[in-house]
Amino acid sequence: MKRIVAVLAAVALIASIGSGVLVWRLTRDRAPDLPEISAYSSGHLARVGPYRFCQVLNPTDCVVPGDQGEVPVTGRRPVQLSLPPAIAKAPWVLLRAYEDGDVVEEFRPDSRLAVTIPTVDPQRGRLNGFAVQLPTLVRDEEGNEFPVPHAEWSVRTVWS
């Protein structure tokens, strides 16, 4: 009887150690789950993680994966930008960089999950890329408040 108890205890110990090692191996290299945006144009889809993602209440506490998406474009089809609710539930900013100038649009929380971006603007030329930012109001030493992005997703266009 003692021998059976000892064998069962050894099996339980080995199983516990094995489970611990398995959990450790599966989680040790895992990056934090950060929201992604999607950009679609001309039959190509790009899912893009953040270039930079900081804590809202501490914009100096950041993860900087440095991700930058890339989407092939033509002058005939726009880019369809899609955001997950995790981003769209906050106020967000869309920066569009064209050859001859930028366009900045601000969106209220829960107002848009998707935006159509023209690849050619009559006044500004071709679209070079765009970025989605989540702003946070910060205050400097003099008490001035201004928005600073605490998260940013960046997509570059590649012209065919």
N, C-alpha and C. Protein backbone atom coordinates (compact mmCIF):
# COMPACT_ATOMS: atom_id res chain seq x y z
N MET A 1 0.81 -1.18 0.00
CA MET A 1 0.00 0.00 0.00
C MET A 1 0.86 1.26 0.00
N LYS A 2 1.95 1.24 0.82
CA LYS A 2 2.85 2.39 0.87
C LYS A 2 3.51 2.63 -0.48
N ARG A 3 3.80 1.52 -1.15
CA ARG A 3 4.44 1.63 -2.45
C ARG A 3 3.52 2.29 -3.47
N ILE A 4 2.23 1.98 -3.46
CA ILE A 4 1.25 2.57 -4.38
C ILE A 4 1.12 4.06 -4.10
N VAL A 5 1.07 4.44 -2.84
CA VAL A 5 0.97 5.86 -2.46
C VAL A 5 2.22 6.61 -2.92
N ALA A 6 3.38 6.01 -2.77
CA ALA A 6 4.63 6.64 -3.19
C ALA A 6 4.66 6.83 -4.70
N VAL A 7 4.21 5.82 -5.45
CA VAL A 7 4.16 5.91 -6.92
C VAL A 7 3.18 7.01 -7.34
N LEU A 8 2.00 7.04 -6.73
CA LEU A 8 1.01 8.08 -7.06
C LEU A 8 1.53 9.47 -6.73
N ALA A 9 2.23 9.61 -5.61
CA ALA A 9 2.81 10.91 -5.24
C ALA A 9 3.87 11.33 -6.26
N ALA A 10 4.70 10.38 -6.72
CA ALA A 10 5.73 10.68 -7.72
C ALA A 10 5.09 11.08 -9.04
N VAL A 11 4.04 10.38 -9.46
CA VAL A 11 3.34 10.72 -10.71
C VAL A 11 2.72 12.11 -10.60
N ALA A 12 2.10 12.42 -9.47
CA ALA A 12 1.50 13.74 -9.27
C ALA A 12 2.57 14.83 -9.30
N LEU A 13 3.71 14.57 -8.69
CA LEU A 13 4.81 15.55 -8.69
C LEU A 13 5.34 15.78 -10.10
N ILE A 14 5.56 14.71 -10.84
CA ILE A 14 6.05 14.82 -12.21
C ILE A 14 5.04 15.55 -13.10
N ALA A 15 3.75 15.24 -12.94
CA ALA A 15 2.71 15.91 -13.71
C ALA A 15 2.65 17.41 -13.38
N SER A 16 2.81 17.75 -12.11
CA SER A 16 2.79 19.16 -11.71
C SER A 16 3.98 19.91 -12.30
N ILE A 17 5.14 19.32 -12.24
CA ILE A 17 6.34 19.94 -12.80
C ILE A 17 6.19 20.09 -14.31
N GLY A 18 5.71 19.03 -14.96
CA GLY A 18 5.50 19.09 -16.40
C GLY A 18 4.51 20.18 -16.80
N SER A 19 3.42 20.32 -16.06
CA SER A 19 2.44 21.37 -16.34
C SER A 19 3.05 22.75 -16.16
N GLY A 20 3.81 22.92 -15.11
CA GLY A 20 4.47 24.21 -14.86
C GLY A 20 5.43 24.58 -15.98
N VAL A 21 6.23 23.61 -16.41
CA VAL A 21 7.17 23.85 -17.51
C VAL A 21 6.42 24.18 -18.80
N LEU A 22 5.35 23.48 -19.08
CA LEU A 22 4.56 23.73 -20.28
C LEU A 22 3.96 25.15 -20.26
N VAL A 23 3.39 25.54 -19.16
CA VAL A 23 2.82 26.90 -19.05
C VAL A 23 3.92 27.94 -19.22
N TRP A 24 5.06 27.73 -18.59
CA TRP A 24 6.17 28.66 -18.71
C TRP A 24 6.63 28.78 -20.16
N ARG A 25 6.77 27.66 -20.86
CA ARG A 25 7.22 27.67 -22.26
C ARG A 25 6.23 28.37 -23.18
N LEU A 26 4.95 28.20 -22.92
CA LEU A 26 3.94 28.80 -23.78
C LEU A 26 3.79 30.30 -23.56
N THR A 27 4.15 30.79 -22.38
CA THR A 27 3.93 32.20 -22.08
C THR A 27 5.20 33.04 -22.02
N ARG A 28 6.35 32.48 -22.04
CA ARG A 28 7.57 33.26 -21.82
C ARG A 28 7.88 34.22 -22.96
N ASP A 29 7.64 33.86 -24.21
CA ASP A 29 7.95 34.74 -25.35
C ASP A 29 6.73 35.45 -25.90
N ARG A 30 5.63 35.35 -25.23
CA ARG A 30 4.40 35.93 -25.75
C ARG A 30 4.39 37.44 -25.55
N ALA A 31 4.15 38.16 -26.64
CA ALA A 31 4.04 39.62 -26.57
C ALA A 31 2.69 39.97 -25.97
N PRO A 32 2.57 41.14 -25.38
CA PRO A 32 1.27 41.54 -24.85
C PRO A 32 0.25 41.64 -25.97
N ASP A 33 -0.99 41.34 -25.65
CA ASP A 33 -2.05 41.43 -26.64
C ASP A 33 -2.40 42.89 -26.86
N LEU A 34 -1.96 43.43 -27.98
CA LEU A 34 -2.22 44.82 -28.32
C LEU A 34 -3.16 44.87 -29.53
N PRO A 35 -4.03 45.86 -29.58
CA PRO A 35 -4.98 45.93 -30.69
C PRO A 35 -4.28 46.14 -32.03
N GLU A 36 -4.92 45.67 -33.09
CA GLU A 36 -4.42 45.83 -34.45
C GLU A 36 -5.45 46.57 -35.29
N ILE A 37 -4.96 47.31 -36.28
CA ILE A 37 -5.84 47.91 -37.28
C ILE A 37 -5.71 47.09 -38.56
N SER A 38 -6.67 47.27 -39.47
CA SER A 38 -6.62 46.59 -40.77
C SER A 38 -6.72 47.63 -41.87
N ALA A 39 -5.93 47.43 -42.92
CA ALA A 39 -5.98 48.29 -44.10
C ALA A 39 -6.13 47.40 -45.32
N TYR A 40 -7.12 47.71 -46.16
CA TYR A 40 -7.39 46.90 -47.34
C TYR A 40 -7.45 47.79 -48.57
N SER A 41 -6.77 47.38 -49.64
CA SER A 41 -6.86 48.09 -50.92
C SER A 41 -6.40 47.15 -52.03
N SER A 42 -7.09 47.23 -53.13
CA SER A 42 -6.71 46.51 -54.36
C SER A 42 -6.44 45.02 -54.12
N GLY A 43 -7.26 44.39 -53.29
CA GLY A 43 -7.13 42.96 -53.05
C GLY A 43 -6.09 42.57 -52.01
N HIS A 44 -5.49 43.54 -51.34
CA HIS A 44 -4.46 43.26 -50.35
C HIS A 44 -4.91 43.73 -48.97
N LEU A 45 -4.71 42.88 -47.96
CA LEU A 45 -5.08 43.19 -46.59
C LEU A 45 -3.82 43.22 -45.73
N ALA A 46 -3.70 44.27 -44.92
CA ALA A 46 -2.59 44.36 -43.96
C ALA A 46 -3.19 44.51 -42.57
N ARG A 47 -2.78 43.63 -41.66
CA ARG A 47 -3.15 43.76 -40.24
C ARG A 47 -1.92 44.27 -39.53
N VAL A 48 -2.09 45.37 -38.81
CA VAL A 48 -0.93 46.08 -38.27
C VAL A 48 -1.07 46.28 -36.77
N GLY A 49 -0.04 45.86 -36.05
CA GLY A 49 0.03 46.13 -34.62
C GLY A 49 0.58 47.53 -34.40
N PRO A 50 0.61 47.97 -33.17
CA PRO A 50 1.05 49.34 -32.90
C PRO A 50 2.54 49.55 -33.13
N TYR A 51 2.84 50.75 -33.60
CA TYR A 51 4.23 51.18 -33.68
C TYR A 51 4.74 51.47 -32.28
N ARG A 52 3.86 52.11 -31.50
CA ARG A 52 4.15 52.44 -30.11
C ARG A 52 2.86 52.37 -29.31
N PHE A 53 2.94 51.85 -28.09
CA PHE A 53 1.75 51.72 -27.24
C PHE A 53 2.16 52.02 -25.80
N CYS A 54 1.64 53.12 -25.26
CA CYS A 54 2.00 53.57 -23.91
C CYS A 54 0.78 53.48 -22.99
N GLN A 55 1.04 53.48 -21.71
CA GLN A 55 -0.04 53.51 -20.72
C GLN A 55 -0.72 54.89 -20.78
N VAL A 56 -2.05 54.90 -20.69
CA VAL A 56 -2.80 56.15 -20.79
C VAL A 56 -2.41 57.12 -19.68
N LEU A 57 -2.31 56.63 -18.47
CA LEU A 57 -2.03 57.51 -17.34
C LEU A 57 -0.53 57.77 -17.13
N ASN A 58 0.31 57.05 -17.87
CA ASN A 58 1.74 57.27 -17.79
C ASN A 58 2.34 57.13 -19.19
N PRO A 59 2.25 58.20 -19.99
CA PRO A 59 2.69 58.10 -21.39
C PRO A 59 4.19 57.86 -21.57
N THR A 60 4.94 57.75 -20.48
CA THR A 60 6.36 57.39 -20.62
C THR A 60 6.59 55.90 -20.41
N ASP A 61 5.55 55.17 -19.99
CA ASP A 61 5.62 53.71 -19.81
C ASP A 61 5.11 53.06 -21.09
N CYS A 62 6.03 52.72 -21.98
CA CYS A 62 5.66 52.31 -23.33
C CYS A 62 6.23 50.95 -23.73
N VAL A 63 5.52 50.33 -24.65
CA VAL A 63 6.01 49.18 -25.40
C VAL A 63 6.18 49.71 -26.82
N VAL A 64 7.34 49.49 -27.42
CA VAL A 64 7.59 50.01 -28.77
C VAL A 64 7.94 48.85 -29.70
N PRO A 65 6.89 48.15 -30.20
CA PRO A 65 7.17 47.06 -31.14
C PRO A 65 7.75 47.57 -32.46
N GLY A 66 7.48 48.83 -32.83
CA GLY A 66 8.00 49.39 -34.07
C GLY A 66 7.34 48.84 -35.32
N ASP A 67 6.14 48.25 -35.18
CA ASP A 67 5.45 47.70 -36.34
C ASP A 67 5.01 48.82 -37.28
N GLN A 68 5.20 48.62 -38.56
CA GLN A 68 4.67 49.52 -39.58
C GLN A 68 4.10 48.65 -40.69
N GLY A 69 2.84 48.88 -40.98
CA GLY A 69 2.20 48.11 -42.03
C GLY A 69 2.54 48.67 -43.40
N GLU A 70 2.17 47.88 -44.40
CA GLU A 70 2.42 48.27 -45.78
C GLU A 70 1.25 47.76 -46.60
N VAL A 71 0.67 48.62 -47.44
CA VAL A 71 -0.43 48.18 -48.28
C VAL A 71 -0.20 48.69 -49.71
N PRO A 72 -0.27 47.79 -50.69
CA PRO A 72 -0.16 48.21 -52.10
C PRO A 72 -1.40 49.01 -52.51
N VAL A 73 -1.20 50.09 -53.24
CA VAL A 73 -2.31 50.93 -53.67
C VAL A 73 -2.18 51.32 -55.14
N THR A 74 -3.31 51.76 -55.69
CA THR A 74 -3.36 52.36 -57.02
C THR A 74 -4.16 53.65 -56.89
N GLY A 75 -4.16 54.44 -57.93
CA GLY A 75 -4.94 55.68 -57.91
C GLY A 75 -6.42 55.45 -58.13
N ARG A 76 -6.81 54.22 -58.45
CA ARG A 76 -8.22 53.93 -58.77
C ARG A 76 -9.02 53.43 -57.58
N ARG A 77 -8.37 52.87 -56.58
CA ARG A 77 -9.09 52.28 -55.44
C ARG A 77 -8.62 52.91 -54.13
N PRO A 78 -9.56 53.24 -53.25
CA PRO A 78 -9.17 53.81 -51.95
C PRO A 78 -8.68 52.72 -51.00
N VAL A 79 -8.22 53.15 -49.85
CA VAL A 79 -7.84 52.25 -48.78
C VAL A 79 -9.01 52.20 -47.80
N GLN A 80 -9.38 51.00 -47.40
CA GLN A 80 -10.42 50.82 -46.38
C GLN A 80 -9.71 50.55 -45.06
N LEU A 81 -9.84 51.47 -44.12
CA LEU A 81 -9.24 51.33 -42.80
C LEU A 81 -10.29 50.82 -41.84
N SER A 82 -9.97 49.78 -41.09
CA SER A 82 -10.89 49.22 -40.08
C SER A 82 -10.20 49.23 -38.72
N LEU A 83 -10.95 49.62 -37.70
CA LEU A 83 -10.44 49.66 -36.34
C LEU A 83 -11.22 48.72 -35.47
N PRO A 84 -10.57 48.07 -34.51
CA PRO A 84 -11.32 47.26 -33.54
C PRO A 84 -12.00 48.18 -32.52
N PRO A 85 -13.04 47.69 -31.87
CA PRO A 85 -13.71 48.50 -30.85
C PRO A 85 -12.76 48.99 -29.74
N ALA A 86 -11.71 48.23 -29.45
CA ALA A 86 -10.76 48.64 -28.40
C ALA A 86 -10.11 49.98 -28.72
N ILE A 87 -9.95 50.30 -30.00
CA ILE A 87 -9.40 51.60 -30.40
C ILE A 87 -10.52 52.61 -30.59
N ALA A 88 -11.59 52.21 -31.30
CA ALA A 88 -12.65 53.14 -31.67
C ALA A 88 -13.50 53.61 -30.49
N LYS A 89 -13.41 52.94 -29.35
CA LYS A 89 -14.20 53.37 -28.19
C LYS A 89 -13.60 54.62 -27.54
N ALA A 90 -12.41 54.98 -27.93
CA ALA A 90 -11.74 56.17 -27.40
C ALA A 90 -11.72 57.25 -28.49
N PRO A 91 -11.47 58.50 -28.11
CA PRO A 91 -11.24 59.50 -29.16
C PRO A 91 -9.96 59.11 -29.91
N TRP A 92 -10.00 59.22 -31.23
CA TRP A 92 -8.84 58.83 -32.02
C TRP A 92 -8.62 59.81 -33.16
N VAL A 93 -7.41 59.78 -33.70
CA VAL A 93 -7.00 60.71 -34.75
C VAL A 93 -6.48 59.91 -35.93
N LEU A 94 -6.87 60.34 -37.14
CA LEU A 94 -6.35 59.76 -38.37
C LEU A 94 -5.49 60.81 -39.06
N LEU A 95 -4.21 60.50 -39.25
CA LEU A 95 -3.29 61.37 -39.97
C LEU A 95 -3.04 60.76 -41.34
N ARG A 96 -3.34 61.52 -42.38
CA ARG A 96 -3.07 61.06 -43.75
C ARG A 96 -1.94 61.90 -44.32
N ALA A 97 -0.88 61.25 -44.77
CA ALA A 97 0.28 61.95 -45.32
C ALA A 97 0.25 61.84 -46.85
N TYR A 98 0.02 62.96 -47.50
CA TYR A 98 0.04 63.03 -48.96
C TYR A 98 1.34 63.71 -49.40
N GLU A 99 1.65 63.64 -50.69
CA GLU A 99 2.89 64.22 -51.22
C GLU A 99 3.03 65.70 -50.88
N ASP A 100 1.93 66.45 -50.98
CA ASP A 100 2.01 67.90 -50.80
C ASP A 100 1.24 68.40 -49.59
N GLY A 101 1.14 67.61 -48.55
CA GLY A 101 0.47 68.08 -47.34
C GLY A 101 -0.23 66.96 -46.61
N ASP A 102 -0.51 67.22 -45.36
CA ASP A 102 -1.15 66.23 -44.50
C ASP A 102 -2.60 66.62 -44.21
N VAL A 103 -3.38 65.62 -43.86
CA VAL A 103 -4.76 65.82 -43.43
C VAL A 103 -4.91 65.17 -42.07
N VAL A 104 -5.48 65.90 -41.12
CA VAL A 104 -5.70 65.39 -39.77
C VAL A 104 -7.19 65.39 -39.50
N GLU A 105 -7.72 64.22 -39.14
CA GLU A 105 -9.13 64.10 -38.78
C GLU A 105 -9.24 63.55 -37.37
N GLU A 106 -10.13 64.14 -36.59
CA GLU A 106 -10.38 63.67 -35.23
C GLU A 106 -11.74 62.99 -35.19
N PHE A 107 -11.82 61.88 -34.45
CA PHE A 107 -13.06 61.12 -34.34
C PHE A 107 -13.45 60.98 -32.87
N ARG A 108 -14.72 61.13 -32.62
CA ARG A 108 -15.25 61.00 -31.26
C ARG A 108 -15.33 59.51 -30.90
N PRO A 109 -15.36 59.21 -29.60
CA PRO A 109 -15.47 57.81 -29.18
C PRO A 109 -16.73 57.14 -29.74
N ASP A 110 -16.57 55.89 -30.13
CA ASP A 110 -17.67 55.05 -30.64
C ASP A 110 -18.38 55.65 -31.85
N SER A 111 -17.69 56.49 -32.62
CA SER A 111 -18.33 57.10 -33.79
C SER A 111 -18.02 56.37 -35.09
N ARG A 112 -16.85 55.75 -35.21
CA ARG A 112 -16.47 55.09 -36.46
C ARG A 112 -15.61 53.87 -36.19
N LEU A 113 -15.92 52.78 -36.91
CA LEU A 113 -15.07 51.59 -36.90
C LEU A 113 -14.32 51.45 -38.21
N ALA A 114 -14.70 52.27 -39.22
CA ALA A 114 -14.06 52.17 -40.53
C ALA A 114 -14.05 53.54 -41.20
N VAL A 115 -13.03 53.75 -42.04
CA VAL A 115 -12.88 55.00 -42.78
C VAL A 115 -12.36 54.64 -44.17
N THR A 116 -12.88 55.31 -45.18
CA THR A 116 -12.37 55.17 -46.54
C THR A 116 -11.38 56.29 -46.79
N ILE A 117 -10.17 55.93 -47.19
CA ILE A 117 -9.11 56.91 -47.40
C ILE A 117 -8.79 56.98 -48.90
N PRO A 118 -9.01 58.14 -49.52
CA PRO A 118 -8.65 58.27 -50.94
C PRO A 118 -7.13 58.16 -51.13
N THR A 119 -6.71 57.46 -52.17
CA THR A 119 -5.27 57.31 -52.41
C THR A 119 -4.70 58.51 -53.17
N VAL A 120 -5.58 59.29 -53.77
CA VAL A 120 -5.15 60.52 -54.45
C VAL A 120 -6.07 61.65 -54.01
N ASP A 121 -5.47 62.75 -53.57
CA ASP A 121 -6.20 63.95 -53.20
C ASP A 121 -5.94 65.01 -54.28
N PRO A 122 -6.99 65.66 -54.81
CA PRO A 122 -6.78 66.62 -55.90
C PRO A 122 -5.81 67.76 -55.56
N GLN A 123 -5.77 68.20 -54.30
CA GLN A 123 -4.88 69.28 -53.91
C GLN A 123 -3.54 68.81 -53.36
N ARG A 124 -3.49 67.61 -52.81
CA ARG A 124 -2.29 67.17 -52.09
C ARG A 124 -1.50 66.06 -52.79
N GLY A 125 -2.06 65.45 -53.82
CA GLY A 125 -1.34 64.41 -54.55
C GLY A 125 -1.57 63.02 -54.01
N ARG A 126 -0.57 62.17 -54.19
CA ARG A 126 -0.67 60.76 -53.81
C ARG A 126 -0.50 60.55 -52.30
N LEU A 127 -1.17 59.51 -51.82
CA LEU A 127 -1.09 59.13 -50.41
C LEU A 127 0.22 58.38 -50.16
N ASN A 128 1.02 58.87 -49.22
CA ASN A 128 2.27 58.20 -48.85
C ASN A 128 2.07 57.23 -47.70
N GLY A 129 1.08 57.50 -46.87
CA GLY A 129 0.83 56.64 -45.72
C GLY A 129 -0.16 57.30 -44.79
N PHE A 130 -0.48 56.59 -43.71
CA PHE A 130 -1.40 57.14 -42.72
C PHE A 130 -1.11 56.52 -41.36
N ALA A 131 -1.61 57.19 -40.33
CA ALA A 131 -1.40 56.72 -38.97
C ALA A 131 -2.68 56.95 -38.17
N VAL A 132 -2.92 56.05 -37.25
CA VAL A 132 -4.01 56.17 -36.29
C VAL A 132 -3.36 56.42 -34.93
N GLN A 133 -3.85 57.44 -34.23
CA GLN A 133 -3.29 57.78 -32.93
C GLN A 133 -4.39 57.87 -31.88
N LEU A 134 -4.04 57.50 -30.66
CA LEU A 134 -4.91 57.69 -29.51
C LEU A 134 -4.29 58.78 -28.64
N PRO A 135 -4.93 59.96 -28.57
CA PRO A 135 -4.33 61.05 -27.81
C PRO A 135 -4.69 61.02 -26.33
N THR A 136 -3.79 61.56 -25.53
CA THR A 136 -4.00 61.76 -24.10
C THR A 136 -3.65 63.22 -23.80
N LEU A 137 -4.46 63.88 -22.99
CA LEU A 137 -4.13 65.24 -22.58
C LEU A 137 -3.07 65.19 -21.49
N VAL A 138 -2.00 65.94 -21.69
CA VAL A 138 -0.95 66.05 -20.69
C VAL A 138 -0.79 67.51 -20.30
N ARG A 139 -0.20 67.73 -19.16
CA ARG A 139 0.00 69.09 -18.65
C ARG A 139 1.48 69.30 -18.40
N ASP A 140 2.01 70.42 -18.91
CA ASP A 140 3.43 70.73 -18.68
C ASP A 140 3.60 71.47 -17.35
N GLU A 141 4.85 71.84 -17.04
CA GLU A 141 5.15 72.50 -15.77
C GLU A 141 4.42 73.83 -15.60
N GLU A 142 4.08 74.47 -16.69
CA GLU A 142 3.40 75.77 -16.64
C GLU A 142 1.88 75.64 -16.59
N GLY A 143 1.38 74.40 -16.56
CA GLY A 143 -0.06 74.18 -16.49
C GLY A 143 -0.78 74.13 -17.82
N ASN A 144 -0.04 74.19 -18.93
CA ASN A 144 -0.65 74.12 -20.26
C ASN A 144 -1.01 72.68 -20.58
N GLU A 145 -2.22 72.47 -21.09
CA GLU A 145 -2.65 71.13 -21.49
C GLU A 145 -2.60 71.01 -23.01
N PHE A 146 -2.16 69.85 -23.48
CA PHE A 146 -2.11 69.60 -24.92
C PHE A 146 -2.15 68.09 -25.15
N PRO A 147 -2.65 67.68 -26.32
CA PRO A 147 -2.74 66.23 -26.59
C PRO A 147 -1.39 65.66 -27.04
N VAL A 148 -1.11 64.46 -26.54
CA VAL A 148 0.07 63.70 -26.93
C VAL A 148 -0.40 62.28 -27.21
N PRO A 149 -0.01 61.70 -28.35
CA PRO A 149 -0.46 60.33 -28.63
C PRO A 149 0.19 59.33 -27.68
N HIS A 150 -0.64 58.49 -27.07
CA HIS A 150 -0.09 57.43 -26.23
C HIS A 150 -0.02 56.10 -26.98
N ALA A 151 -0.63 56.06 -28.16
CA ALA A 151 -0.54 54.86 -29.00
C ALA A 151 -0.62 55.28 -30.46
N GLU A 152 0.11 54.56 -31.32
CA GLU A 152 0.10 54.89 -32.74
C GLU A 152 0.27 53.63 -33.58
N TRP A 153 -0.53 53.56 -34.66
CA TRP A 153 -0.44 52.52 -35.67
C TRP A 153 -0.10 53.21 -36.97
N SER A 154 0.84 52.67 -37.72
CA SER A 154 1.34 53.33 -38.92
C SER A 154 1.29 52.39 -40.12
N VAL A 155 0.82 52.93 -41.26
CA VAL A 155 0.75 52.16 -42.50
C VAL A 155 1.35 52.99 -43.63
N ARG A 156 2.24 52.37 -44.36
CA ARG A 156 2.89 53.00 -45.52
C ARG A 156 2.24 52.46 -46.78
N THR A 157 2.06 53.33 -47.78
CA THR A 157 1.50 52.87 -49.05
C THR A 157 2.62 52.54 -50.02
N VAL A 158 2.39 51.51 -50.83
CA VAL A 158 3.32 51.12 -51.88
C VAL A 158 2.57 51.22 -53.20
N TRP A 159 3.03 52.13 -54.05
CA TRP A 159 2.35 52.38 -55.32
C TRP A 159 2.74 51.35 -56.37
N SER A 160 1.73 50.82 -57.07
CA SER A 160 1.97 49.83 -58.13
C SER A 160 2.45 50.53 -59.39
